[in-house]
Amino acid sequence: MSSRIQPVLSVVIPVYNEAAGIEKFHASLIAVLKDAPLTYEVLYIDDGSLDASAKVITGFHEADPHVRVLKLTRNFGKEIATTAGIHAARGDAILMLDADGQHPVEAIPRFVAKWQQGAKVVVGKRIGRQAPMLKRFGSKLFYGLFSRSMGVRVDPDTSDFRLIDKSLQLEFNRMTERNRMTRALIDWLGYDREYVTYRENDRLAGAATYSIRKLSKLAIDSAISLSTSPLYLVAYIGAVVLPVSTFLGLGMIINYALSDPLHLHATGGAYVMVLVLFLVGILLVSQGIIGLYLSHIHTETQNRPLYVVDEANTKG
């Protein structure tokens, strides 16, 4: 791309095995961008595709100076590919969308309009989504728990189709997590979000590459990366088990000392079970204390910024 072209908008598109439909996608994208009253760049990130995707997008670059290609050495996953694109983007605003055609390119002007009106984060929100019931339920359950544990509201109907201002890019680039969910990291930054609703299209070709296994791994990795709540879980369980077993044991001893007025007829095995429950409670609390230390280590090694300043007024 010519260095004389300073893009206002960078469009970041991770690509993995999309050769069958990417030419149609690219044509529709460029048609929309050419009608927009701004300069732009399209940044394709080939995430180690096994088909002809890299060759096709390289052809786009050779034919159009607005197109750039970043080819990764292997498949690192969509989240890392998207991160690489955000790092490399040169525009004043960065918009992310998928190459499979499900994100409607016709909605891009609405994203740009909200950004031009002052929004620093514009998030695409799906309406009329026709996902399987089990997937919808799992998504709502995960994001509900995720929002509570992370302290940041994450809407299950939002997607990776979103635009961020360059100021967010600078903060995002400071984050060093390896297991990451891009949208959650953007939400963590805390900027106010504007929304653009859209109806999801059918894929242009092929089948979704995100299997249930990959989605589950992404959910687990994100929960661990963005929240320390799982480390506290055993402490919470221990905090319940230990006092219950203590009061139960004391009650049984007192009842025995008073010649069994409650007629429990507790055997030696019952006392052993209560003792074991008590020891399990101590063990869980001990693990919870270790978890507290691990959570501090986890937070420190992430090396996230201590704070993010939206606007600074330092007059005087």
Protein backbone atom coordinates (compact mmCIF):
# COMPACT_ATOMS: atom_id res chain seq x y z
CA MET A 1 0.00 0.00 0.00
CA SER A 2 1.30 3.44 -0.87
CA SER A 3 2.61 5.39 2.10
CA ARG A 4 0.79 8.48 0.72
CA ILE A 5 -2.57 6.94 1.61
CA GLN A 6 -3.34 7.65 5.25
CA PRO A 7 -6.46 5.61 6.03
CA VAL A 8 -9.21 7.00 8.19
CA LEU A 9 -10.77 3.55 8.48
CA SER A 10 -8.94 0.24 8.81
CA VAL A 11 -11.02 -2.88 8.16
CA VAL A 12 -9.47 -5.90 9.88
CA ILE A 13 -10.53 -9.31 8.55
CA PRO A 14 -9.12 -12.61 9.89
CA VAL A 15 -9.19 -15.33 7.22
CA TYR A 16 -9.02 -19.09 7.61
CA ASN A 17 -9.97 -21.38 4.71
CA GLU A 18 -12.42 -18.95 3.11
CA ALA A 19 -11.24 -19.27 -0.51
CA ALA A 20 -14.63 -20.47 -1.77
CA GLY A 21 -16.50 -17.31 -0.87
CA ILE A 22 -13.97 -14.58 -0.23
CA GLU A 23 -13.98 -13.09 -3.73
CA LYS A 24 -17.70 -12.38 -3.48
CA PHE A 25 -17.21 -11.02 0.03
CA HIS A 26 -14.36 -8.75 -1.07
CA ALA A 27 -16.32 -7.35 -4.02
CA SER A 28 -19.27 -6.41 -1.79
CA LEU A 29 -16.95 -4.91 0.84
CA ILE A 30 -15.05 -2.73 -1.60
CA ALA A 31 -18.31 -1.54 -3.18
CA VAL A 32 -19.46 -0.27 0.22
CA LEU A 33 -16.11 1.30 1.15
CA LYS A 34 -15.79 3.13 -2.19
CA ASP A 35 -19.11 4.85 -1.53
CA ALA A 36 -17.98 5.97 1.92
CA PRO A 37 -16.60 9.56 2.06
CA LEU A 38 -13.32 8.57 3.69
CA THR A 39 -9.99 6.93 2.97
CA TYR A 40 -9.66 3.32 3.98
CA GLU A 41 -7.46 0.25 4.09
CA VAL A 42 -8.51 -3.38 4.11
CA LEU A 43 -6.22 -5.59 6.16
CA TYR A 44 -6.58 -9.33 5.60
CA ILE A 45 -4.87 -11.62 8.11
CA ASP A 46 -4.35 -15.12 6.76
CA ASP A 47 -4.41 -17.41 9.80
CA GLY A 48 -2.49 -20.31 8.28
CA SER A 49 -5.17 -21.26 5.74
CA LEU A 50 -4.86 -24.70 4.16
CA ASP A 51 -6.74 -23.77 0.98
CA ALA A 52 -6.09 -21.02 -1.57
CA SER A 53 -7.17 -18.16 0.72
CA ALA A 54 -3.66 -16.69 1.01
CA LYS A 55 -3.24 -16.68 -2.79
CA VAL A 56 -6.62 -15.03 -3.35
CA ILE A 57 -6.14 -12.21 -0.84
CA THR A 58 -2.59 -11.64 -2.13
CA GLY A 59 -4.23 -11.08 -5.51
CA PHE A 60 -6.48 -8.44 -3.93
CA HIS A 61 -3.39 -6.67 -2.59
CA GLU A 62 -1.62 -6.73 -5.96
CA ALA A 63 -4.66 -5.26 -7.69
CA ASP A 64 -5.59 -2.60 -5.12
CA PRO A 65 -3.22 -0.37 -3.07
CA HIS A 66 -5.89 -0.08 -0.38
CA VAL A 67 -5.53 -3.78 0.47
CA ARG A 68 -2.84 -5.11 2.78
CA VAL A 69 -2.13 -8.74 3.65
CA LEU A 70 -0.60 -10.12 6.82
CA LYS A 71 0.21 -13.82 6.53
CA LEU A 72 0.75 -15.75 9.74
CA THR A 73 3.14 -18.70 9.70
CA ARG A 74 0.48 -21.14 10.96
CA ASN A 75 -3.01 -21.28 12.40
CA PHE A 76 -2.89 -19.32 15.66
CA GLY A 77 -6.67 -18.99 16.02
CA LYS A 78 -9.14 -16.25 15.19
CA GLU A 79 -8.55 -14.22 18.35
CA ILE A 80 -4.79 -13.99 17.76
CA ALA A 81 -5.29 -13.23 14.07
CA THR A 82 -7.69 -10.43 14.95
CA THR A 83 -5.21 -9.11 17.50
CA ALA A 84 -2.45 -9.11 14.86
CA GLY A 85 -4.72 -7.09 12.58
CA ILE A 86 -5.51 -4.54 15.29
CA HIS A 87 -1.79 -4.18 16.02
CA ALA A 88 -1.02 -3.57 12.34
CA ALA A 89 -3.97 -1.24 11.57
CA ARG A 90 -3.06 2.34 10.67
CA GLY A 91 -6.46 4.01 10.58
CA ASP A 92 -8.07 6.45 12.97
CA ALA A 93 -10.80 3.86 13.46
CA ILE A 94 -10.51 0.07 13.24
CA LEU A 95 -13.46 -2.09 12.23
CA MET A 96 -13.41 -5.87 12.63
CA LEU A 97 -15.59 -8.31 10.73
CA ASP A 98 -15.57 -11.91 9.55
CA ALA A 99 -14.71 -13.02 6.03
CA ASP A 100 -17.54 -15.55 5.75
CA GLY A 101 -20.15 -12.95 4.82
CA GLN A 102 -22.28 -13.35 7.94
CA HIS A 103 -21.51 -9.80 9.04
CA PRO A 104 -23.39 -7.55 6.56
CA VAL A 105 -20.96 -5.09 4.99
CA GLU A 106 -23.93 -2.79 4.26
CA ALA A 107 -23.96 -1.93 7.98
CA ILE A 108 -20.44 -0.46 7.90
CA PRO A 109 -21.59 3.14 7.17
CA ARG A 110 -23.73 3.03 10.33
CA PHE A 111 -20.70 2.03 12.39
CA VAL A 112 -18.65 4.85 10.87
CA ALA A 113 -21.45 7.38 11.40
CA LYS A 114 -21.64 6.61 15.13
CA TRP A 115 -17.85 6.89 15.39
CA GLN A 116 -17.91 10.25 13.58
CA GLN A 117 -20.52 11.40 16.09
CA GLY A 118 -18.04 10.73 18.91
CA ALA A 119 -18.47 7.06 19.86
CA LYS A 120 -15.18 5.31 20.62
CA VAL A 121 -16.64 1.81 20.63
CA VAL A 122 -19.41 0.73 18.26
CA VAL A 123 -20.64 -2.82 18.74
CA GLY A 124 -22.67 -4.94 16.34
CA LYS A 125 -25.70 -6.56 17.98
CA ARG A 126 -27.46 -9.46 16.29
CA ILE A 127 -31.25 -9.51 16.09
CA GLY A 128 -33.46 -12.36 14.95
CA ARG A 129 -30.67 -14.84 15.53
CA GLN A 130 -31.55 -18.37 14.45
CA ALA A 131 -29.00 -20.38 16.44
CA PRO A 132 -29.83 -23.80 17.93
CA MET A 133 -31.61 -23.56 21.31
CA LEU A 134 -28.79 -25.37 23.13
CA LYS A 135 -26.21 -22.95 21.73
CA ARG A 136 -28.33 -19.91 22.65
CA PHE A 137 -28.86 -21.23 26.19
CA GLY A 138 -25.14 -22.01 26.60
CA SER A 139 -24.24 -18.55 25.32
CA LYS A 140 -26.59 -16.75 27.71
CA LEU A 141 -25.43 -18.89 30.66
CA PHE A 142 -21.74 -18.33 29.90
CA TYR A 143 -22.01 -14.59 29.34
CA GLY A 144 -24.21 -14.18 32.41
CA LEU A 145 -21.64 -15.89 34.64
CA PHE A 146 -18.80 -14.21 32.75
CA SER A 147 -20.26 -10.72 33.25
CA ARG A 148 -20.70 -11.31 36.98
CA SER A 149 -17.20 -12.66 37.50
CA MET A 150 -15.46 -10.06 35.32
CA GLY A 151 -17.47 -7.09 36.60
CA VAL A 152 -18.16 -5.92 33.04
CA ARG A 153 -21.46 -6.49 31.26
CA VAL A 154 -21.05 -8.65 28.16
CA ASP A 155 -24.16 -8.97 25.99
CA PRO A 156 -24.52 -12.50 24.49
CA ASP A 157 -26.10 -11.03 21.35
CA THR A 158 -23.09 -8.86 20.52
CA SER A 159 -20.41 -10.11 18.15
CA ASP A 160 -16.90 -9.50 16.89
CA PHE A 161 -18.40 -7.12 14.32
CA ARG A 162 -17.33 -3.88 16.00
CA LEU A 163 -15.44 -0.64 15.55
CA ILE A 164 -12.95 0.95 17.92
CA ASP A 165 -11.25 4.32 17.94
CA LYS A 166 -7.47 4.56 17.62
CA SER A 167 -7.25 5.57 21.29
CA LEU A 168 -8.62 2.13 22.21
CA GLN A 169 -6.15 0.49 19.86
CA LEU A 170 -3.28 2.02 21.82
CA GLU A 171 -4.68 0.65 25.10
CA PHE A 172 -5.54 -2.73 23.55
CA ASN A 173 -1.97 -3.09 22.26
CA ARG A 174 -0.71 -2.89 25.86
CA MET A 175 -2.52 -6.10 26.79
CA THR A 176 -0.28 -9.14 26.69
CA GLU A 177 -2.58 -12.14 27.39
CA ARG A 178 -2.05 -15.14 25.14
CA ASN A 179 -5.41 -16.82 25.79
CA ARG A 180 -7.78 -14.02 24.92
CA MET A 181 -11.24 -13.06 23.75
CA THR A 182 -10.92 -9.84 21.77
CA ARG A 183 -14.42 -8.55 22.39
CA ALA A 184 -14.13 -9.11 26.15
CA LEU A 185 -10.80 -7.26 26.31
CA ILE A 186 -12.37 -4.33 24.47
CA ASP A 187 -15.31 -4.37 26.90
CA TRP A 188 -12.86 -4.55 29.84
CA LEU A 189 -11.36 -1.20 28.80
CA GLY A 190 -14.58 0.34 30.04
CA TYR A 191 -15.44 2.85 27.32
CA ASP A 192 -19.10 3.60 26.67
CA ARG A 193 -20.49 1.52 23.83
CA GLU A 194 -22.84 2.46 21.04
CA TYR A 195 -24.73 -0.30 19.23
CA VAL A 196 -25.63 -1.10 15.65
CA THR A 197 -28.24 -3.82 15.18
CA TYR A 198 -28.08 -6.16 12.22
CA ARG A 199 -29.41 -9.44 10.93
CA GLU A 200 -26.82 -12.10 10.37
CA ASN A 201 -26.41 -13.38 6.81
CA ASP A 202 -25.89 -16.97 5.77
CA ARG A 203 -22.31 -18.01 5.16
CA LEU A 204 -21.18 -17.42 1.59
CA ALA A 205 -19.62 -20.87 1.41
CA GLY A 206 -18.54 -23.82 3.54
CA ALA A 207 -19.32 -24.50 7.18
CA ALA A 208 -18.40 -22.68 10.37
CA THR A 209 -14.88 -23.50 11.55
CA TYR A 210 -15.76 -22.87 15.21
CA SER A 211 -16.86 -26.26 16.53
CA ILE A 212 -18.48 -26.83 19.94
CA ARG A 213 -15.07 -27.99 21.18
CA LYS A 214 -13.37 -24.78 20.03
CA LEU A 215 -16.15 -22.62 21.45
CA SER A 216 -15.90 -24.45 24.78
CA LYS A 217 -12.13 -23.97 24.85
CA LEU A 218 -12.54 -20.27 24.04
CA ALA A 219 -15.07 -19.91 26.86
CA ILE A 220 -12.83 -21.66 29.39
CA ASP A 221 -9.68 -19.80 28.31
CA SER A 222 -11.51 -16.47 28.43
CA ALA A 223 -12.99 -17.13 31.86
CA ILE A 224 -9.57 -18.02 33.26
CA SER A 225 -7.79 -15.18 31.47
CA LEU A 226 -10.25 -12.42 32.34
CA SER A 227 -11.44 -13.49 35.77
CA THR A 228 -9.92 -14.97 38.90
CA SER A 229 -13.32 -16.18 40.18
CA PRO A 230 -12.56 -19.89 39.47
CA LEU A 231 -9.68 -19.66 41.96
CA TYR A 232 -12.09 -18.50 44.66
CA LEU A 233 -14.62 -21.27 44.00
CA VAL A 234 -13.00 -23.87 46.27
CA ALA A 235 -12.68 -21.25 49.02
CA TYR A 236 -16.42 -20.58 48.81
CA ILE A 237 -17.18 -24.32 49.01
CA GLY A 238 -14.81 -24.71 51.94
CA ALA A 239 -16.40 -21.74 53.69
CA VAL A 240 -19.69 -23.67 53.63
CA VAL A 241 -18.38 -27.18 54.35
CA LEU A 242 -16.13 -26.26 57.29
CA PRO A 243 -18.72 -24.53 59.56
CA VAL A 244 -21.41 -27.08 58.67
CA SER A 245 -19.16 -30.00 59.62
CA THR A 246 -17.99 -28.16 62.76
CA PHE A 247 -21.50 -27.49 64.05
CA LEU A 248 -22.62 -30.99 63.09
CA GLY A 249 -19.69 -32.55 64.94
CA LEU A 250 -20.20 -30.40 68.03
CA GLY A 251 -23.90 -31.22 68.03
CA MET A 252 -23.19 -34.95 67.85
CA ILE A 253 -20.64 -34.76 70.69
CA ILE A 254 -23.01 -32.76 72.92
CA ASN A 255 -25.85 -35.12 72.07
CA TYR A 256 -23.65 -38.09 73.04
CA ALA A 257 -22.56 -36.43 76.29
CA LEU A 258 -26.20 -35.88 77.23
CA SER A 259 -27.06 -39.56 76.66
CA ASP A 260 -28.56 -39.06 73.18
CA PRO A 261 -31.68 -36.95 73.98
CA LEU A 262 -32.22 -36.50 70.21
CA HIS A 263 -32.18 -40.27 69.69
CA LEU A 264 -29.67 -40.01 66.83
CA HIS A 265 -28.08 -43.37 67.66
CA ALA A 266 -24.94 -42.20 65.89
CA THR A 267 -22.45 -44.96 65.18
CA GLY A 268 -18.67 -44.69 65.12
CA GLY A 269 -18.81 -44.53 61.34
CA ALA A 270 -21.00 -41.42 61.51
CA TYR A 271 -18.41 -39.66 63.69
CA VAL A 272 -15.68 -40.65 61.23
CA MET A 273 -17.71 -39.24 58.33
CA VAL A 274 -18.17 -35.92 60.13
CA LEU A 275 -14.45 -35.83 60.92
CA VAL A 276 -13.64 -36.48 57.25
CA LEU A 277 -16.07 -33.72 56.23
CA PHE A 278 -14.34 -31.37 58.67
CA LEU A 279 -10.91 -32.22 57.24
CA VAL A 280 -12.21 -31.73 53.68
CA GLY A 281 -13.47 -28.30 54.71
CA ILE A 282 -10.03 -27.39 56.07
CA LEU A 283 -8.43 -28.66 52.87
CA LEU A 284 -10.78 -26.61 50.67
CA VAL A 285 -10.19 -23.46 52.70
CA SER A 286 -6.43 -24.05 52.47
CA GLN A 287 -6.71 -24.43 48.68
CA GLY A 288 -8.78 -21.26 48.60
CA ILE A 289 -6.00 -19.36 50.39
CA ILE A 290 -3.52 -20.67 47.83
CA GLY A 291 -5.99 -19.57 45.15
CA LEU A 292 -5.93 -16.03 46.55
CA TYR A 293 -2.17 -15.89 46.13
CA LEU A 294 -2.41 -17.39 42.64
CA SER A 295 -5.00 -14.80 41.65
CA HIS A 296 -2.61 -12.01 42.59
CA ILE A 297 0.20 -13.66 40.60
CA HIS A 298 -2.19 -14.16 37.67
CA THR A 299 -3.22 -10.50 37.71
CA GLU A 300 0.38 -9.25 37.94
CA THR A 301 1.67 -11.43 35.09
CA GLN A 302 -1.07 -10.19 32.74
CA ASN A 303 0.62 -6.80 32.80
CA ARG A 304 -2.57 -4.92 31.97
CA PRO A 305 -2.65 -1.13 32.35
CA LEU A 306 -3.53 -0.04 35.89
CA TYR A 307 -6.18 2.31 34.52
CA VAL A 308 -7.51 3.72 31.26
CA VAL A 309 -8.18 7.46 30.87
CA ASP A 310 -11.06 8.29 28.55
CA GLU A 311 -10.60 12.05 28.45
CA ALA A 312 -8.10 14.14 30.36
CA ASN A 313 -8.65 17.79 31.23
CA THR A 314 -5.42 19.14 32.68
CA LYS A 315 -5.95 22.87 32.31
CA GLY A 316 -4.10 25.02 34.79
